[in-house]
C-alpha cells in the first residue's frame, strides 16, 4: 500500500465512523417532555410549567414517570456516595441530581437503590440549558433523563425554598434532523464525492498498472523467444575422444562444474569459449554474457540492450554481467543475426575450412570497431 492509498484509507475510515455515529446518535436521541407542578405562595395558587427540555439516556427505557422531586441532603450533593439520602423517600418520587464527580450510571444506581421512580440529571454549571446523550450502562432499571443546568437550578431553588415540586416525565419526539439538514447533507455529499474520487483513482491506477504489467510481460516473452532463437543459431559441437576439452588438461564447465565427457553436446560462443549446451543456454537467457570473459554474447548476436529510465533502480550490466530481458530490444533482422553469429565461429573452424578463414580478419575488425568482443577474449 503506497502513501496515497494509506492517506485515503486513514481519511475515509474516521469519516465513515463519524457519519455512522452521527446518524445513529441522531436517530436514537429521544426528547423528554417535562411538566412541573408547584404551589406559589405569592400568588397563592398552583403553577404548571411544561417544556420539552429533557433528553432520555442512551440506556434508559423510554417510558413515562411521575412523582415528587427529591434532592440529595447528605454531604455529597452529586449523589456519588452509596449512602446518599434524599429530601423525599416516599414513592413515587423522582431524584434530581447534578452532573459531576462520578459517572451517570453511579448516580442512577444510587437513586434506584433508594426507590426512585426516575432520575433527572441536570447539566453542570456553565452549560446553560444544553443537554447531552447520557450513556449509563448497568443502570437501565429506571427512567433517566438529562435537563439543562438552568432548568435544574430553578427546580433545586424551589425545593430548597420549601416548595413541593411534582414532576411528570413523558416521551417526546425524536430529535428532529431538520435543524441539521444542511450539515448532514454537506457531510454526506462530501463523503460520497471523496469516496467516488478515491474509488475512481484506485481503479484508474490499478488498471494502468495492469496494462503496463501485461505489456511488459508480453514484451518480455517476445524478447526471450527472439533471444532464444538467436542463441540457437550459435554453433554446436559434440565432444569425442581426442578433443582437448576431455584430455588430461581439459577444463570443466564453469556453470555446472562438471568435467567434459565424450558425446557431451557443447555450445560454442562467439568468444570461442565452450560450455554444455544445457548449461549455457539458460545462462545466456538470464545473463546474456559469457561466464568467463563477460563478453556481451547477445549483442554480438544482434540483441542489444535499450535501457529506459525507470523509477526503480536498475543494476548496471557491468557490475554483475546480468541484464533483465524485459529491457532488451532487437535491433537487427534475422538475416543479420545469422550473419553476425556465423562471424564468431570462424576462429573455431577446422583447418580444412581455409576458405572461410580469409574472412576472419575483416569480420573481426568490424566487430572490434563496434565495441563487441568477437574472436578474442574481452
Protein backbone atom coordinates (compact mmCIF):
# COMPACT_ATOMS: atom_id res chain seq x y z
CA UNK A 1 0.00 0.00 0.00
CA UNK A 2 1.63 3.25 -1.13
CA UNK A 3 1.38 6.64 0.54
CA UNK A 4 -1.63 7.79 -1.48
CA UNK A 5 -3.60 4.65 -0.63
CA UNK A 6 -2.67 4.95 3.05
CA UNK A 7 -3.75 8.60 3.11
CA UNK A 8 -7.16 7.86 1.66
CA UNK A 9 -7.56 4.81 3.89
CA UNK A 10 -6.88 6.70 7.12
CA UNK A 11 -9.00 9.62 5.89
CA UNK A 12 -12.08 7.62 4.93
CA UNK A 13 -12.22 5.30 7.93
CA UNK A 14 -12.62 8.09 10.56
CA UNK A 15 -15.07 9.89 8.27
CA UNK A 16 -17.21 6.77 7.93
CA UNK A 17 -17.14 6.17 11.69
CA UNK A 18 -18.11 9.78 12.32
CA UNK A 19 -21.02 9.64 9.89
CA UNK A 20 -22.31 6.36 11.28
CA UNK A 21 -22.09 7.55 14.88
CA UNK A 22 -23.60 10.90 13.93
CA UNK A 23 -26.63 9.41 12.24
CA UNK A 24 -27.01 6.75 14.92
CA UNK A 25 -26.91 9.34 17.69
CA UNK A 26 -29.49 11.48 15.96
CA UNK A 27 -31.78 8.52 15.33
CA UNK A 28 -31.84 7.28 18.93
CA UNK A 29 -31.96 10.65 20.69
CA UNK A 30 -35.45 10.86 22.21
CA UNK A 31 -36.67 14.06 23.77
CA UNK A 32 -38.47 14.05 27.12
CA UNK A 33 -41.40 16.32 27.91
CA UNK A 34 -41.10 17.65 31.48
CA UNK A 35 -44.14 19.01 33.34
CA UNK A 36 -43.77 20.70 36.75
CA UNK A 37 -46.40 21.41 39.39
CA UNK A 38 -45.66 23.52 42.48
CA UNK A 39 -47.52 25.85 44.82
CA UNK A 40 -46.66 29.55 44.53
CA UNK A 41 -47.26 31.16 47.91
CA UNK A 42 -47.06 34.66 46.44
CA UNK A 43 -49.97 34.14 44.07
CA UNK A 44 -51.49 31.51 46.35
CA UNK A 45 -52.08 29.09 43.53
CA UNK A 46 -50.56 26.01 41.91
CA UNK A 47 -48.28 26.78 38.96
CA UNK A 48 -47.95 24.47 35.98
CA UNK A 49 -44.92 24.52 33.68
CA UNK A 50 -44.24 22.34 30.68
CA UNK A 51 -41.22 22.11 28.37
CA UNK A 52 -39.68 19.57 26.07
CA UNK A 53 -36.30 20.19 27.61
CA UNK A 54 -35.18 16.69 28.62
CA UNK A 55 -33.25 14.01 26.77
CA UNK A 56 -33.60 10.31 27.54
CA UNK A 57 -30.39 8.49 28.35
CA UNK A 58 -28.92 6.01 25.90
CA UNK A 59 -29.67 3.06 28.20
CA UNK A 60 -32.87 4.44 29.66
CA UNK A 61 -36.27 2.88 28.98
CA UNK A 62 -38.38 5.35 27.01
CA UNK A 63 -41.31 5.35 29.44
CA UNK A 64 -43.33 7.91 31.35
CA UNK A 65 -42.72 8.60 35.04
CA UNK A 66 -44.08 10.94 37.70
CA UNK A 67 -43.53 11.78 41.34
CA UNK A 68 -42.41 14.36 43.87
CA UNK A 69 -38.92 15.67 43.20
CA UNK A 70 -36.27 14.97 45.83
CA UNK A 71 -32.67 16.22 46.03
CA UNK A 72 -29.64 14.89 47.96
CA UNK A 73 -29.43 16.02 51.57
CA UNK A 74 -26.13 14.38 52.50
CA UNK A 75 -22.65 15.89 52.34
CA UNK A 76 -22.35 14.63 48.76
CA UNK A 77 -24.69 16.78 46.59
CA UNK A 78 -23.68 14.79 43.49
CA UNK A 79 -25.12 11.51 44.87
CA UNK A 80 -21.90 9.63 44.27
CA UNK A 81 -21.96 8.11 47.76
CA UNK A 82 -23.93 4.88 48.02
CA UNK A 83 -25.42 6.09 51.32
CA UNK A 84 -26.79 9.34 49.90
CA UNK A 85 -30.18 10.34 51.29
CA UNK A 86 -32.78 12.48 49.53
CA UNK A 87 -35.34 15.00 50.73
CA UNK A 88 -38.11 12.71 49.54
CA UNK A 89 -38.08 8.96 50.07
CA UNK A 90 -41.77 8.11 49.72
CA UNK A 91 -42.81 6.54 46.43
CA UNK A 92 -43.44 7.65 43.85
CA UNK A 93 -40.63 10.18 43.77
CA UNK A 94 -38.01 11.41 41.27
CA UNK A 95 -34.35 12.11 42.13
CA UNK A 96 -32.85 15.40 40.93
CA UNK A 97 -29.03 15.15 40.82
CA UNK A 98 -26.33 17.46 39.50
CA UNK A 99 -23.84 16.15 36.96
CA UNK A 100 -20.24 15.66 38.08
CA UNK A 101 -17.75 13.81 40.34
CA UNK A 102 -18.84 10.33 39.17
CA UNK A 103 -20.43 8.57 36.25
CA UNK A 104 -24.07 8.81 35.24
CA UNK A 105 -24.52 5.11 35.98
CA UNK A 106 -23.36 5.52 39.60
CA UNK A 107 -25.80 8.38 40.23
CA UNK A 108 -28.71 6.48 38.70
CA UNK A 109 -27.84 3.33 40.66
CA UNK A 110 -27.91 5.30 43.94
CA UNK A 111 -31.35 6.68 43.07
CA UNK A 112 -32.54 3.20 42.09
CA UNK A 113 -31.45 1.70 45.42
CA UNK A 114 -33.31 4.50 47.25
CA UNK A 115 -36.53 3.59 45.45
CA UNK A 116 -36.75 6.46 42.97
CA UNK A 117 -39.12 6.13 40.03
CA UNK A 118 -36.81 8.13 37.78
CA UNK A 119 -33.53 10.02 37.89
CA UNK A 120 -33.16 13.50 36.44
CA UNK A 121 -29.56 14.62 35.93
CA UNK A 122 -29.12 18.34 35.29
CA UNK A 123 -26.03 19.57 33.49
CA UNK A 124 -23.06 21.12 35.28
CA UNK A 125 -22.64 24.84 35.81
CA UNK A 126 -21.78 26.98 32.82
CA UNK A 127 -23.57 24.69 30.34
CA UNK A 128 -26.80 26.70 30.20
CA UNK A 129 -29.72 24.58 29.07
CA UNK A 130 -27.58 22.32 26.88
CA UNK A 131 -28.08 18.59 27.24
CA UNK A 132 -26.20 15.56 26.02
CA UNK A 133 -26.95 11.90 25.44
CA UNK A 134 -26.04 10.07 28.65
CA UNK A 135 -24.53 6.59 28.50
CA UNK A 136 -25.21 4.70 31.73
CA UNK A 137 -24.68 1.02 31.05
CA UNK A 138 -25.60 -1.09 34.07
CA UNK A 139 -28.27 1.34 35.27
CA UNK A 140 -31.20 0.59 32.99
CA UNK A 141 -33.94 -0.21 35.53
CA UNK A 142 -35.48 3.26 35.90
CA UNK A 143 -36.14 6.19 33.60
CA UNK A 144 -33.15 8.52 33.33
CA UNK A 145 -33.16 11.87 31.55
CA UNK A 146 -30.91 14.90 31.40
CA UNK A 147 -32.05 18.52 31.58
CA UNK A 148 -30.12 21.77 31.31
CA UNK A 149 -28.32 23.42 34.20
CA UNK A 150 -30.56 26.49 34.24
CA UNK A 151 -33.74 24.43 34.46
CA UNK A 152 -32.24 22.12 37.05
CA UNK A 153 -31.14 25.01 39.27
CA UNK A 154 -34.64 26.54 39.09
CA UNK A 155 -36.19 23.32 40.37
CA UNK A 156 -33.48 22.98 43.05
CA UNK A 157 -34.04 26.52 44.35
CA UNK A 158 -37.80 25.95 44.62
CA UNK A 159 -37.25 22.76 46.60
CA UNK A 160 -34.68 24.45 48.85
CA UNK A 161 -37.17 27.26 49.49
CA UNK A 162 -39.65 24.71 50.84
CA UNK A 163 -41.85 24.17 47.79
CA UNK A 164 -43.22 20.76 46.94
CA UNK A 165 -42.43 20.17 43.27
CA UNK A 166 -44.11 17.39 41.35
CA UNK A 167 -42.66 16.29 38.00
CA UNK A 168 -44.23 14.34 35.16
CA UNK A 169 -41.92 12.90 32.50
CA UNK A 170 -43.42 11.90 29.16
CA UNK A 171 -41.89 10.58 25.97
CA UNK A 172 -41.41 13.40 23.50
CA UNK A 173 -40.49 13.41 19.87
CA UNK A 174 -37.33 12.03 18.43
CA UNK A 175 -34.80 14.74 17.86
CA UNK A 176 -35.60 16.42 14.57
CA UNK A 177 -32.99 16.25 11.83
CA UNK A 178 -34.33 19.38 10.15
CA UNK A 179 -32.18 21.64 12.29
CA UNK A 180 -29.02 19.97 10.96
CA UNK A 181 -30.23 19.03 7.49
CA UNK A 182 -27.72 21.23 5.68
CA UNK A 183 -24.83 19.98 7.80
CA UNK A 184 -25.83 16.37 7.25
CA UNK A 185 -26.34 16.96 3.54
CA UNK A 186 -22.95 18.65 3.20
CA UNK A 187 -21.12 15.91 5.09
CA UNK A 188 -22.91 13.16 3.19
CA UNK A 189 -22.27 14.70 -0.21
CA UNK A 190 -18.64 15.38 0.69
CA UNK A 191 -18.20 11.80 1.82
CA UNK A 192 -19.66 10.33 -1.35
CA UNK A 193 -17.66 12.70 -3.55
CA UNK A 194 -14.42 11.81 -1.79
CA UNK A 195 -15.31 8.12 -1.84
CA UNK A 196 -16.16 8.22 -5.55
CA UNK A 197 -12.96 10.11 -6.35
CA UNK A 198 -10.93 7.65 -4.30
CA UNK A 199 -12.50 4.63 -5.96
CA UNK A 200 -12.04 6.21 -9.38
CA UNK A 201 -8.37 6.97 -8.72
CA UNK A 202 -7.78 3.49 -7.37
CA UNK A 203 -9.49 1.82 -10.34
CA UNK A 204 -7.58 4.01 -12.79
CA UNK A 205 -4.29 3.36 -11.01
CA UNK A 206 -4.91 -0.39 -10.85
CA UNK A 207 -5.96 -0.55 -14.50
CA UNK A 208 -2.88 1.37 -15.59
CA UNK A 209 -0.60 -0.92 -13.59
CA UNK A 210 -2.34 -3.98 -15.04
CA UNK A 211 -1.97 -2.70 -18.60
CA UNK A 212 1.71 -1.89 -18.07
CA UNK A 213 2.35 -5.26 -16.43
CA UNK A 214 0.67 -7.12 -19.27
CA UNK A 215 2.56 -5.12 -21.89
CA UNK A 216 5.87 -5.76 -20.14
CA UNK A 217 5.08 -9.44 -19.76
CA UNK A 218 4.16 -9.76 -23.43
CA UNK A 219 7.28 -7.87 -24.50
CA UNK A 220 9.44 -9.99 -22.22
CA UNK A 221 8.05 -13.20 -23.68
CA UNK A 222 8.66 -11.97 -27.20
CA UNK A 223 12.20 -10.88 -26.42
CA UNK A 224 13.01 -14.14 -24.67
CA UNK A 225 11.72 -16.03 -27.68
CA UNK A 226 13.88 -13.95 -30.02
CA UNK A 227 16.90 -14.23 -27.77
CA UNK A 228 16.42 -18.00 -27.55
CA UNK A 229 16.17 -18.23 -31.32
CA UNK A 230 19.34 -16.17 -31.69
CA UNK A 231 21.20 -18.36 -29.19
CA UNK A 232 20.16 -21.49 -31.06
CA UNK A 233 21.93 -20.15 -34.16
CA UNK A 234 25.30 -20.47 -32.46
CA UNK A 235 27.48 -23.45 -33.29
CA UNK A 236 27.08 -26.80 -31.53
CA UNK A 237 29.81 -29.38 -31.06
CA UNK A 238 29.68 -32.96 -29.88
CA UNK A 239 32.82 -33.92 -27.99
CA UNK A 240 34.64 -37.09 -28.97
CA UNK A 241 37.73 -38.91 -27.88
CA UNK A 242 40.84 -36.92 -28.59
CA UNK A 243 39.34 -33.44 -28.17
CA UNK A 244 41.42 -31.17 -25.98
CA UNK A 245 38.43 -30.43 -23.73
CA UNK A 246 38.39 -34.05 -22.46
CA UNK A 247 42.14 -34.56 -22.35
CA UNK A 248 44.32 -34.65 -19.24
CA UNK A 249 44.44 -30.87 -19.22
CA UNK A 250 40.77 -30.47 -20.09
CA UNK A 251 38.64 -27.90 -18.36
CA UNK A 252 35.30 -28.29 -16.65
CA UNK A 253 32.09 -26.43 -17.34
CA UNK A 254 32.10 -23.26 -15.23
CA UNK A 255 28.31 -23.36 -15.00
CA UNK A 256 27.78 -26.89 -13.64
CA UNK A 257 31.45 -27.54 -12.61
CA UNK A 258 31.42 -31.00 -14.22
CA UNK A 259 34.23 -32.40 -16.33
CA UNK A 260 33.62 -32.66 -20.05
CA UNK A 261 32.98 -36.19 -21.31
CA UNK A 262 32.73 -37.74 -24.75
CA UNK A 263 29.40 -37.23 -26.53
CA UNK A 264 28.67 -34.07 -24.50
CA UNK A 265 26.88 -31.50 -26.63
CA UNK A 266 28.72 -28.19 -26.40
CA UNK A 267 27.69 -24.68 -27.31
CA UNK A 268 30.46 -22.59 -28.86
CA UNK A 269 30.06 -18.92 -28.03
CA UNK A 270 31.18 -16.09 -30.25
CA UNK A 271 34.12 -15.52 -27.92
CA UNK A 272 35.34 -19.11 -28.60
CA UNK A 273 34.51 -20.38 -25.11
CA UNK A 274 32.59 -23.65 -24.95
CA UNK A 275 30.10 -24.87 -22.38
CA UNK A 276 27.48 -27.54 -22.03
CA UNK A 277 24.50 -26.61 -24.18
CA UNK A 278 22.07 -27.43 -21.39
CA UNK A 279 24.03 -25.17 -19.03
CA UNK A 280 24.89 -22.16 -21.16
CA UNK A 281 21.56 -21.66 -22.95
CA UNK A 282 19.59 -20.81 -19.77
CA UNK A 283 22.56 -18.77 -18.55
CA UNK A 284 22.55 -16.64 -21.68
CA UNK A 285 18.80 -16.11 -21.47
CA UNK A 286 19.25 -14.87 -17.92
CA UNK A 287 22.58 -13.02 -18.06
CA UNK A 288 23.42 -12.52 -21.71
CA UNK A 289 27.20 -12.64 -21.19
CA UNK A 290 29.92 -15.23 -21.27
CA UNK A 291 30.54 -16.64 -17.77
CA UNK A 292 34.31 -16.47 -18.30
CA UNK A 293 35.13 -13.31 -20.20
CA UNK A 294 31.90 -11.38 -19.72
CA UNK A 295 31.68 -10.82 -23.44
CA UNK A 296 28.28 -9.48 -24.49
CA UNK A 297 27.08 -12.51 -26.43
CA UNK A 298 23.57 -11.21 -27.08
CA UNK A 299 24.93 -8.01 -28.55
CA UNK A 300 27.16 -9.98 -30.87
CA UNK A 301 24.09 -11.91 -31.99
CA UNK A 302 22.25 -8.68 -32.74
CA UNK A 303 20.30 -8.37 -29.49
CA UNK A 304 21.12 -5.05 -27.87
CA UNK A 305 20.17 -3.55 -24.56
CA UNK A 306 17.95 -0.48 -24.63
CA UNK A 307 17.87 0.80 -21.06
CA UNK A 308 15.00 3.20 -20.45
CA UNK A 309 14.66 5.45 -17.40
CA UNK A 310 12.72 3.70 -14.66
CA UNK A 311 11.52 4.73 -11.25
CA UNK A 312 13.24 1.77 -9.63
CA UNK A 313 16.99 1.40 -9.51
CA UNK A 314 18.45 -0.90 -12.15
CA UNK A 315 21.79 -2.61 -11.62
CA UNK A 316 24.43 -1.69 -14.15
CA UNK A 317 25.28 -4.50 -16.57
CA UNK A 318 28.98 -4.18 -15.94
CA UNK A 319 28.62 -4.75 -12.20
CA UNK A 320 27.19 -8.24 -12.37
CA UNK A 321 27.03 -9.20 -16.01
CA UNK A 322 23.25 -9.56 -15.76
CA UNK A 323 20.66 -7.73 -17.81
CA UNK A 324 16.89 -8.05 -17.46
CA UNK A 325 15.35 -9.30 -20.66
CA UNK A 326 12.36 -7.03 -20.17
CA UNK A 327 14.50 -4.13 -21.44
CA UNK A 328 16.06 -5.95 -24.39
CA UNK A 329 15.20 -4.83 -27.91
CA UNK A 330 16.03 -6.49 -31.23
CA UNK A 331 17.94 -4.14 -33.49
CA UNK A 332 18.63 -6.39 -36.48
CA UNK A 333 16.60 -8.73 -38.66
CA UNK A 334 17.04 -12.48 -38.58
CA UNK A 335 19.32 -12.49 -41.57
CA UNK A 336 21.71 -10.10 -39.84
CA UNK A 337 21.51 -12.29 -36.72
CA UNK A 338 22.69 -15.30 -38.62
CA UNK A 339 25.42 -13.34 -40.39
CA UNK A 340 26.75 -11.84 -37.18
CA UNK A 341 26.52 -15.11 -35.30
CA UNK A 342 28.36 -17.02 -38.01
CA UNK A 343 31.16 -14.47 -37.95
CA UNK A 344 32.02 -15.52 -34.40
CA UNK A 345 32.71 -19.11 -35.33
CA UNK A 346 35.46 -18.53 -37.90
CA UNK A 347 38.21 -18.85 -35.34
CA UNK A 348 37.00 -22.28 -34.25
CA UNK A 349 36.61 -23.86 -37.72
CA UNK A 350 38.78 -26.77 -38.79
CA UNK A 351 41.91 -26.43 -40.93
CA UNK A 352 40.03 -27.76 -43.95
CA UNK A 353 37.86 -24.62 -43.97
CA UNK A 354 40.60 -22.24 -45.08
CA UNK A 355 38.23 -20.51 -47.44
CA UNK A 356 36.24 -19.12 -44.54
CA UNK A 357 39.33 -18.16 -42.53
CA UNK A 358 40.09 -15.48 -45.08
CA UNK A 359 37.10 -13.55 -43.87
CA UNK A 360 38.06 -13.65 -40.21
CA UNK A 361 40.29 -10.53 -40.10
CA UNK A 362 37.79 -8.29 -41.77
CA UNK A 363 34.86 -9.56 -39.70
CA UNK A 364 36.89 -9.33 -36.51
CA UNK A 365 37.82 -5.82 -37.44
CA UNK A 366 34.19 -4.87 -37.91
CA UNK A 367 33.23 -6.40 -34.57
CA UNK A 368 36.11 -4.67 -32.79
CA UNK A 369 35.18 -1.36 -34.31
CA UNK A 370 31.66 -1.71 -32.96
CA UNK A 371 32.97 -2.37 -29.44
CA UNK A 372 31.92 -6.03 -29.35
CA UNK A 373 34.09 -8.92 -28.21
CA UNK A 374 34.41 -11.23 -31.17
CA UNK A 375 37.00 -13.91 -31.66
CA UNK A 376 39.23 -12.81 -28.77
CA UNK A 377 38.61 -12.75 -25.04
CA UNK A 378 37.28 -9.44 -23.68
